Amino acid sequence: MNQPIPFAAGRPGDHADSDLAEVMQKVARGDKPAFSVLYDALAPLVFGIVLKVVRDRAQSEEVAQEVMIDLWRQAARYRAEAGSVRTWAATIAHRRAVDRVRSAQAATDREQAQAAREHTTAFDEVAEQVETRLESEQVRRCLRGLTELQWQAVTLAYYQGLTYREVAEALHTPLPTIKTRMRDGLIRLRDCMGVTT
């Protein structure tokens, strides 16, 4: 097979459609010189169509080469009654070009979506840390509003995990008094925190 000509060269009108149909039949039988003729006749048309859709010259050259390979591989599928060789080649070129653009757009969309997910995750983590700090500060502020015995009882029960009886023993205070102080302290905390039941 001859060396392919550059896409900018060649004259699309050099071969009549009937001649190209005959050439296509030969290509379908694996005739490499016939494919060289087909290539010379259609490469500029194919490249022009692809370039209009893809707009990037390097990618357009790549897609046009893929189209020409498709024409070689699919030559047996060509049916003259369905349209001219040029129309068939133009259709394949346009589809391939659109596929390339869609593929590139899908890749860009995936990258943007990933970047958005990473940004959202980082924002959510920061927001959660800020919210936790604010809640902690509110709890500390509300604890300061308790009486000394309420504060001690609540702190021992909730921060050190002691039972009512263990809190009573630690504070040398009767158990019923501890229960009352803790209940009153928890009610004050709830009201201070704005928790509704």
C-alpha atoms as a PDB file:
ATOM      1  CA  MET A   1       0.000   0.000   0.000  1.00  0.00           C
ATOM      2  CA  ASN A   2       1.215   3.485  -0.787  1.00  0.00           C
ATOM      3  CA  GLN A   3       2.165   5.878   1.981  1.00  0.00           C
ATOM      4  CA  PRO A   4      -0.968   7.854   3.027  1.00  0.00           C
ATOM      5  CA  ILE A   5      -1.072  11.396   1.750  1.00  0.00           C
ATOM      6  CA  PRO A   6      -1.408  14.263   4.201  1.00  0.00           C
ATOM      7  CA  PHE A   7      -5.007  15.204   4.891  1.00  0.00           C
ATOM      8  CA  ALA A   8      -4.648  18.655   3.441  1.00  0.00           C
ATOM      9  CA  ALA A   9      -3.681  17.263   0.027  1.00  0.00           C
ATOM     10  CA  GLY A  10      -5.909  15.599  -2.551  1.00  0.00           C
ATOM     11  CA  ARG A  11      -8.882  16.820  -4.503  1.00  0.00           C
ATOM     12  CA  PRO A  12     -12.294  15.424  -3.515  1.00  0.00           C
ATOM     13  CA  GLY A  13     -13.723  15.733  -7.007  1.00  0.00           C
ATOM     14  CA  ASP A  14     -11.070  13.619  -8.721  1.00  0.00           C
ATOM     15  CA  HIS A  15     -13.172  10.430  -8.686  1.00  0.00           C
ATOM     16  CA  ALA A  16     -16.791  10.086  -9.777  1.00  0.00           C
ATOM     17  CA  ASP A  17     -19.146   8.386  -7.317  1.00  0.00           C
ATOM     18  CA  SER A  18     -19.591   5.418  -9.682  1.00  0.00           C
ATOM     19  CA  ASP A  19     -15.810   4.986  -9.851  1.00  0.00           C
ATOM     20  CA  LEU A  20     -15.606   5.054  -6.046  1.00  0.00           C
ATOM     21  CA  ALA A  21     -18.329   2.403  -5.817  1.00  0.00           C
ATOM     22  CA  GLU A  22     -16.188   0.123  -7.980  1.00  0.00           C
ATOM     23  CA  VAL A  23     -13.121   0.973  -5.914  1.00  0.00           C
ATOM     24  CA  MET A  24     -15.086   0.153  -2.753  1.00  0.00           C
ATOM     25  CA  GLN A  25     -15.962  -3.287  -4.137  1.00  0.00           C
ATOM     26  CA  LYS A  26     -12.267  -3.950  -4.679  1.00  0.00           C
ATOM     27  CA  VAL A  27     -11.440  -2.707  -1.181  1.00  0.00           C
ATOM     28  CA  ALA A  28     -14.102  -5.072   0.181  1.00  0.00           C
ATOM     29  CA  ARG A  29     -12.124  -7.932  -1.407  1.00  0.00           C
ATOM     30  CA  GLY A  30      -8.941  -6.745   0.367  1.00  0.00           C
ATOM     31  CA  ASP A  31      -7.355  -4.935  -2.599  1.00  0.00           C
ATOM     32  CA  LYS A  32      -4.713  -2.686  -1.017  1.00  0.00           C
ATOM     33  CA  PRO A  33      -3.986  -0.569  -4.137  1.00  0.00           C
ATOM     34  CA  ALA A  34      -7.733   0.097  -4.387  1.00  0.00           C
ATOM     35  CA  PHE A  35      -7.735   1.249  -0.772  1.00  0.00           C
ATOM     36  CA  SER A  36      -4.883   3.622  -1.606  1.00  0.00           C
ATOM     37  CA  VAL A  37      -7.066   5.142  -4.339  1.00  0.00           C
ATOM     38  CA  LEU A  38     -10.017   5.322  -1.925  1.00  0.00           C
ATOM     39  CA  TYR A  39      -7.814   6.937   0.701  1.00  0.00           C
ATOM     40  CA  ASP A  40      -6.572   9.584  -1.715  1.00  0.00           C
ATOM     41  CA  ALA A  41     -10.141  10.333  -2.803  1.00  0.00           C
ATOM     42  CA  LEU A  42     -11.800  10.481   0.620  1.00  0.00           C
ATOM     43  CA  ALA A  43      -9.151  11.546   3.157  1.00  0.00           C
ATOM     44  CA  PRO A  44      -9.614  15.305   2.569  1.00  0.00           C
ATOM     45  CA  LEU A  45     -13.422  15.014   2.828  1.00  0.00           C
ATOM     46  CA  VAL A  46     -13.201  12.905   5.984  1.00  0.00           C
ATOM     47  CA  PHE A  47     -10.664  15.204   7.605  1.00  0.00           C
ATOM     48  CA  GLY A  48     -12.723  18.307   6.799  1.00  0.00           C
ATOM     49  CA  ILE A  49     -15.847  16.870   8.401  1.00  0.00           C
ATOM     50  CA  VAL A  50     -13.984  15.685  11.481  1.00  0.00           C
ATOM     51  CA  LEU A  51     -12.157  18.989  11.920  1.00  0.00           C
ATOM     52  CA  LYS A  52     -15.453  20.929  11.845  1.00  0.00           C
ATOM     53  CA  VAL A  53     -16.782  18.820  14.718  1.00  0.00           C
ATOM     54  CA  VAL A  54     -13.676  18.157  16.813  1.00  0.00           C
ATOM     55  CA  ARG A  55     -11.937  21.523  16.121  1.00  0.00           C
ATOM     56  CA  ASP A  56      -8.559  20.329  17.352  1.00  0.00           C
ATOM     57  CA  ARG A  57      -6.245  19.557  14.436  1.00  0.00           C
ATOM     58  CA  ALA A  58      -4.204  16.812  16.109  1.00  0.00           C
ATOM     59  CA  GLN A  59      -7.283  15.003  17.399  1.00  0.00           C
ATOM     60  CA  SER A  60      -8.992  15.484  14.053  1.00  0.00           C
ATOM     61  CA  GLU A  61      -6.105  13.824  12.249  1.00  0.00           C
ATOM     62  CA  GLU A  62      -6.306  10.913  14.684  1.00  0.00           C
ATOM     63  CA  VAL A  63     -10.070  10.533  14.267  1.00  0.00           C
ATOM     64  CA  ALA A  64      -9.766  10.823  10.457  1.00  0.00           C
ATOM     65  CA  GLN A  65      -7.214   7.995  10.467  1.00  0.00           C
ATOM     66  CA  GLU A  66      -9.628   5.893  12.527  1.00  0.00           C
ATOM     67  CA  VAL A  67     -12.383   6.618   9.998  1.00  0.00           C
ATOM     68  CA  MET A  68     -10.173   5.555   7.100  1.00  0.00           C
ATOM     69  CA  ILE A  69      -9.363   2.312   8.938  1.00  0.00           C
ATOM     70  CA  ASP A  70     -13.103   1.815   9.481  1.00  0.00           C
ATOM     71  CA  LEU A  71     -13.670   2.256   5.738  1.00  0.00           C
ATOM     72  CA  TRP A  72     -11.100  -0.470   5.068  1.00  0.00           C
ATOM     73  CA  ARG A  73     -12.602  -2.835   7.656  1.00  0.00           C
ATOM     74  CA  GLN A  74     -16.243  -2.150   6.812  1.00  0.00           C
ATOM     75  CA  ALA A  75     -15.909  -1.963   3.032  1.00  0.00           C
ATOM     76  CA  ALA A  76     -17.990  -5.121   2.616  1.00  0.00           C
ATOM     77  CA  ARG A  77     -20.882  -3.416   4.416  1.00  0.00           C
ATOM     78  CA  TYR A  78     -21.150  -0.631   1.871  1.00  0.00           C
ATOM     79  CA  ARG A  79     -24.333  -0.776  -0.216  1.00  0.00           C
ATOM     80  CA  ALA A  80     -24.474   1.439  -3.327  1.00  0.00           C
ATOM     81  CA  GLU A  81     -28.289   1.531  -3.219  1.00  0.00           C
ATOM     82  CA  ALA A  82     -28.121   3.199   0.220  1.00  0.00           C
ATOM     83  CA  GLY A  83     -26.049   6.148  -1.016  1.00  0.00           C
ATOM     84  CA  SER A  84     -22.748   7.196  -2.507  1.00  0.00           C
ATOM     85  CA  VAL A  85     -19.378   6.201  -1.108  1.00  0.00           C
ATOM     86  CA  ARG A  86     -18.765   9.837  -0.207  1.00  0.00           C
ATOM     87  CA  THR A  87     -22.027  10.031   1.739  1.00  0.00           C
ATOM     88  CA  TRP A  88     -21.251   6.773   3.526  1.00  0.00           C
ATOM     89  CA  ALA A  89     -17.733   7.958   4.418  1.00  0.00           C
ATOM     90  CA  ALA A  90     -19.069  11.349   5.522  1.00  0.00           C
ATOM     91  CA  THR A  91     -21.620   9.664   7.796  1.00  0.00           C
ATOM     92  CA  ILE A  92     -18.962   7.483   9.417  1.00  0.00           C
ATOM     93  CA  ALA A  93     -16.649  10.490   9.817  1.00  0.00           C
ATOM     94  CA  HIS A  94     -19.352  12.596  11.437  1.00  0.00           C
ATOM     95  CA  ARG A  95     -20.341   9.809  13.862  1.00  0.00           C
ATOM     96  CA  ARG A  96     -16.724   9.183  14.859  1.00  0.00           C
ATOM     97  CA  ALA A  97     -16.113  12.894  15.387  1.00  0.00           C
ATOM     98  CA  VAL A  98     -19.239  13.291  17.517  1.00  0.00           C
ATOM     99  CA  ASP A  99     -18.221  10.221  19.541  1.00  0.00           C
ATOM    100  CA  ARG A 100     -14.809  11.787  20.188  1.00  0.00           C
ATOM    101  CA  VAL A 101     -16.345  15.062  21.324  1.00  0.00           C
ATOM    102  CA  ARG A 102     -18.817  13.259  23.602  1.00  0.00           C
ATOM    103  CA  SER A 103     -16.055  11.110  25.031  1.00  0.00           C
ATOM    104  CA  ALA A 104     -13.919  14.167  25.751  1.00  0.00           C
ATOM    105  CA  GLN A 105     -16.894  15.943  27.336  1.00  0.00           C
ATOM    106  CA  ALA A 106     -17.711  12.910  29.479  1.00  0.00           C
ATOM    107  CA  ALA A 107     -14.104  12.786  30.696  1.00  0.00           C
ATOM    108  CA  THR A 108     -14.238  16.495  31.548  1.00  0.00           C
ATOM    109  CA  ASP A 109     -17.559  16.027  33.358  1.00  0.00           C
ATOM    110  CA  ARG A 110     -16.133  13.117  35.375  1.00  0.00           C
ATOM    111  CA  GLU A 111     -13.094  15.182  36.382  1.00  0.00           C
ATOM    112  CA  GLN A 112     -15.283  18.124  37.411  1.00  0.00           C
ATOM    113  CA  ALA A 113     -17.624  15.878  39.372  1.00  0.00           C
ATOM    114  CA  GLN A 114     -14.672  14.293  41.175  1.00  0.00           C
ATOM    115  CA  ALA A 115     -13.225  17.710  41.968  1.00  0.00           C
ATOM    116  CA  ALA A 116     -16.634  18.839  43.273  1.00  0.00           C
ATOM    117  CA  ARG A 117     -16.917  15.735  45.472  1.00  0.00           C
ATOM    118  CA  GLU A 118     -13.451  16.322  46.894  1.00  0.00           C
ATOM    119  CA  HIS A 119     -14.240  19.986  47.524  1.00  0.00           C
ATOM    120  CA  THR A 120     -17.577  19.137  49.166  1.00  0.00           C
ATOM    121  CA  THR A 121     -15.962  16.506  51.368  1.00  0.00           C
ATOM    122  CA  ALA A 122     -13.320  18.943  52.552  1.00  0.00           C
ATOM    123  CA  PHE A 123     -15.970  21.591  53.206  1.00  0.00           C
ATOM    124  CA  ASP A 124     -18.181  19.110  55.095  1.00  0.00           C
ATOM    125  CA  GLU A 125     -15.286  18.050  57.318  1.00  0.00           C
ATOM    126  CA  VAL A 126     -14.452  21.655  58.174  1.00  0.00           C
ATOM    127  CA  ALA A 127     -18.107  22.515  58.780  1.00  0.00           C
ATOM    128  CA  GLU A 128     -18.491  19.484  61.039  1.00  0.00           C
ATOM    129  CA  GLN A 129     -15.406  20.442  63.072  1.00  0.00           C
ATOM    130  CA  VAL A 130     -16.676  23.996  63.496  1.00  0.00           C
ATOM    131  CA  GLU A 131     -20.102  22.752  64.544  1.00  0.00           C
ATOM    132  CA  THR A 132     -18.571  20.342  67.080  1.00  0.00           C
ATOM    133  CA  ARG A 133     -16.441  23.138  68.567  1.00  0.00           C
ATOM    134  CA  LEU A 134     -19.455  25.440  68.825  1.00  0.00           C
ATOM    135  CA  GLU A 135     -21.512  22.746  70.533  1.00  0.00           C
ATOM    136  CA  SER A 136     -18.644  21.979  72.929  1.00  0.00           C
ATOM    137  CA  GLU A 137     -18.348  25.641  73.803  1.00  0.00           C
ATOM    138  CA  GLN A 138     -22.106  25.867  74.389  1.00  0.00           C
ATOM    139  CA  VAL A 139     -21.971  22.815  76.691  1.00  0.00           C
ATOM    140  CA  ARG A 140     -19.093  24.368  78.679  1.00  0.00           C
ATOM    141  CA  ARG A 141     -20.988  27.651  78.969  1.00  0.00           C
ATOM    142  CA  CYS A 142     -24.141  25.866  80.152  1.00  0.00           C
ATOM    143  CA  LEU A 143     -22.176  23.756  82.658  1.00  0.00           C
ATOM    144  CA  ARG A 144     -20.842  26.985  84.195  1.00  0.00           C
ATOM    145  CA  GLY A 145     -24.465  27.953  84.922  1.00  0.00           C
ATOM    146  CA  LEU A 146     -24.985  24.996  87.272  1.00  0.00           C
ATOM    147  CA  THR A 147     -24.545  25.044  91.035  1.00  0.00           C
ATOM    148  CA  GLU A 148     -21.327  23.502  92.343  1.00  0.00           C
ATOM    149  CA  LEU A 149     -23.050  20.260  93.445  1.00  0.00           C
ATOM    150  CA  GLN A 150     -24.986  19.971  90.149  1.00  0.00           C
ATOM    151  CA  TRP A 151     -21.810  20.572  88.136  1.00  0.00           C
ATOM    152  CA  GLN A 152     -19.826  17.979  90.143  1.00  0.00           C
ATOM    153  CA  ALA A 153     -22.608  15.369  89.914  1.00  0.00           C
ATOM    154  CA  VAL A 154     -23.172  15.814  86.170  1.00  0.00           C
ATOM    155  CA  THR A 155     -19.440  15.872  85.431  1.00  0.00           C
ATOM    156  CA  LEU A 156     -18.762  12.700  87.411  1.00  0.00           C
ATOM    157  CA  ALA A 157     -21.738  10.885  85.857  1.00  0.00           C
ATOM    158  CA  TYR A 158     -21.352  11.925  82.240  1.00  0.00           C
ATOM    159  CA  TYR A 159     -17.669  12.600  81.798  1.00  0.00           C
ATOM    160  CA  GLN A 160     -16.271   9.941  84.130  1.00  0.00           C
ATOM    161  CA  GLY A 161     -19.074   7.398  83.711  1.00  0.00           C
ATOM    162  CA  LEU A 162     -19.923   6.989  87.413  1.00  0.00           C
ATOM    163  CA  THR A 163     -23.322   5.673  88.550  1.00  0.00           C
ATOM    164  CA  TYR A 164     -25.593   7.673  90.872  1.00  0.00           C
ATOM    165  CA  ARG A 165     -24.380   5.603  93.837  1.00  0.00           C
ATOM    166  CA  GLU A 166     -20.704   6.130  92.886  1.00  0.00           C
ATOM    167  CA  VAL A 167     -21.289   9.881  92.492  1.00  0.00           C
ATOM    168  CA  ALA A 168     -22.958   9.976  95.927  1.00  0.00           C
ATOM    169  CA  GLU A 169     -19.994   8.146  97.474  1.00  0.00           C
ATOM    170  CA  ALA A 170     -17.426  10.360  95.680  1.00  0.00           C
ATOM    171  CA  LEU A 171     -19.153  13.566  96.840  1.00  0.00           C
ATOM    172  CA  HIS A 172     -20.064  12.211 100.332  1.00  0.00           C
ATOM    173  CA  THR A 173     -23.662  13.192  99.682  1.00  0.00           C
ATOM    174  CA  PRO A 174     -26.838  11.156 100.195  1.00  0.00           C
ATOM    175  CA  LEU A 175     -28.049   9.298  97.074  1.00  0.00           C
ATOM    176  CA  PRO A 176     -31.499  11.003  96.944  1.00  0.00           C
ATOM    177  CA  THR A 177     -29.810  14.428  97.041  1.00  0.00           C
ATOM    178  CA  ILE A 178     -27.497  13.452  94.150  1.00  0.00           C
ATOM    179  CA  LYS A 179     -30.447  12.213  92.090  1.00  0.00           C
ATOM    180  CA  THR A 180     -32.331  15.471  92.700  1.00  0.00           C
ATOM    181  CA  ARG A 181     -29.297  17.665  91.918  1.00  0.00           C
ATOM    182  CA  MET A 182     -28.545  15.730  88.737  1.00  0.00           C
ATOM    183  CA  ARG A 183     -32.170  15.935  87.585  1.00  0.00           C
ATOM    184  CA  ASP A 184     -32.261  19.679  88.252  1.00  0.00           C
ATOM    185  CA  GLY A 185     -28.846  20.132  86.605  1.00  0.00           C
ATOM    186  CA  LEU A 186     -29.888  18.210  83.499  1.00  0.00           C
ATOM    187  CA  ILE A 187     -33.060  20.268  83.220  1.00  0.00           C
ATOM    188  CA  ARG A 188     -30.991  23.470  83.408  1.00  0.00           C
ATOM    189  CA  LEU A 189     -28.577  22.109  80.773  1.00  0.00           C
ATOM    190  CA  ARG A 190     -31.455  21.151  78.494  1.00  0.00           C
ATOM    191  CA  ASP A 191     -33.006  24.603  78.788  1.00  0.00           C
ATOM    192  CA  CYS A 192     -29.648  26.317  78.304  1.00  0.00           C
ATOM    193  CA  MET A 193     -28.879  24.210  75.201  1.00  0.00           C
ATOM    194  CA  GLY A 194     -32.336  24.910  73.757  1.00  0.00           C
ATOM    195  CA  VAL A 195     -33.220  21.234  73.528  1.00  0.00           C
ATOM    196  CA  THR A 196     -36.945  20.572  73.241  1.00  0.00           C
ATOM    197  CA  THR A 197     -38.518  17.281  74.298  1.00  0.00           C
END
